[in-house]
Amino acid sequence: MIFARAAIRSRSLVRPNVSRSAYHFENKNGDHLPFDVKNRKALAAKMVGLFGLGYALPFVASAWQLSKSQ
């Protein structure tokens, strides 16, 4: 019992070692993204292309498979 109290006391006195990252990033809007958000028209075109291709791909693939079987 005495040893348990001593262990609890010693843990509470020791600060946890918080490791900081070696990298420093500025806190600016858009710096954390892997693409440029300043040119809105180019961003919109890229997003429409990416999401449009992702949405259309299963339909195109199924149409192609159906046309192969006929």
Protein backbone atom coordinates (compact mmCIF):
# COMPACT_ATOMS: atom_id res chain seq x y z
CA MET A 1 0.00 0.00 0.00
CA ILE A 2 2.80 2.38 0.87
CA PHE A 3 4.67 1.50 -2.30
CA ALA A 4 1.56 2.09 -4.41
CA ARG A 5 1.15 5.57 -2.99
CA ALA A 6 4.80 6.34 -3.63
CA ALA A 7 4.46 5.13 -7.23
CA ILE A 8 1.39 7.28 -7.79
CA ARG A 9 3.11 10.31 -6.30
CA SER A 10 6.23 9.83 -8.40
CA ARG A 11 4.18 9.50 -11.61
CA SER A 12 2.22 12.65 -10.92
CA LEU A 13 5.40 14.65 -10.39
CA VAL A 14 7.04 13.55 -13.61
CA ARG A 15 5.88 15.46 -16.66
CA PRO A 16 5.10 13.40 -19.75
CA ASN A 17 7.66 13.91 -22.48
CA VAL A 18 5.77 15.57 -25.31
CA SER A 19 7.67 15.14 -28.53
CA ARG A 20 7.48 18.11 -30.86
CA SER A 21 7.71 17.72 -34.58
CA ALA A 22 10.94 18.72 -36.26
CA TYR A 23 8.92 20.41 -39.00
CA HIS A 24 7.35 23.83 -38.76
CA PHE A 25 4.38 24.80 -40.89
CA GLU A 26 2.96 28.29 -41.08
CA ASN A 27 -0.68 28.60 -40.11
CA LYS A 28 -2.05 30.03 -43.33
CA ASN A 29 -5.23 29.06 -45.12
CA GLY A 30 -4.59 26.50 -47.85
CA ASP A 31 -1.01 25.65 -46.87
CA HIS A 32 -1.96 22.27 -45.46
CA LEU A 33 -3.61 21.14 -48.71
CA PRO A 34 -1.74 19.33 -51.48
CA PHE A 35 -3.33 21.53 -54.15
CA ASP A 36 -3.73 25.23 -54.79
CA VAL A 37 -7.05 26.73 -53.69
CA LYS A 38 -6.40 30.29 -54.82
CA ASN A 39 -7.41 29.69 -58.45
CA ARG A 40 -11.07 28.78 -57.97
CA LYS A 41 -11.86 28.01 -61.61
CA ALA A 42 -8.98 25.56 -61.96
CA LEU A 43 -9.89 23.95 -58.63
CA ALA A 44 -13.52 23.58 -59.71
CA ALA A 45 -12.50 22.04 -63.04
CA LYS A 46 -10.19 19.56 -61.29
CA MET A 47 -12.84 18.62 -58.75
CA VAL A 48 -15.52 18.14 -61.39
CA GLY A 49 -13.14 16.03 -63.44
CA LEU A 50 -12.06 13.91 -60.50
CA PHE A 51 -15.51 13.36 -59.02
CA GLY A 52 -17.11 13.01 -62.45
CA LEU A 53 -14.63 10.33 -63.45
CA GLY A 54 -15.09 8.52 -60.14
CA TYR A 55 -18.86 8.57 -60.52
CA ALA A 56 -18.89 7.63 -64.22
CA LEU A 57 -16.29 4.86 -64.05
CA PRO A 58 -18.60 2.07 -62.79
CA PHE A 59 -21.24 2.93 -65.39
CA VAL A 60 -18.70 3.00 -68.22
CA ALA A 61 -17.17 -0.28 -67.05
CA SER A 62 -20.54 -2.03 -66.83
CA ALA A 63 -21.56 -0.75 -70.28
CA TRP A 64 -18.29 -1.99 -71.71
CA GLN A 65 -18.71 -5.42 -70.09
CA LEU A 66 -22.28 -5.65 -71.39
CA SER A 67 -21.18 -4.71 -74.90
CA LYS A 68 -18.46 -7.39 -74.81
CA SER A 69 -20.93 -10.11 -73.89
CA GLN A 70 -23.28 -9.40 -76.81
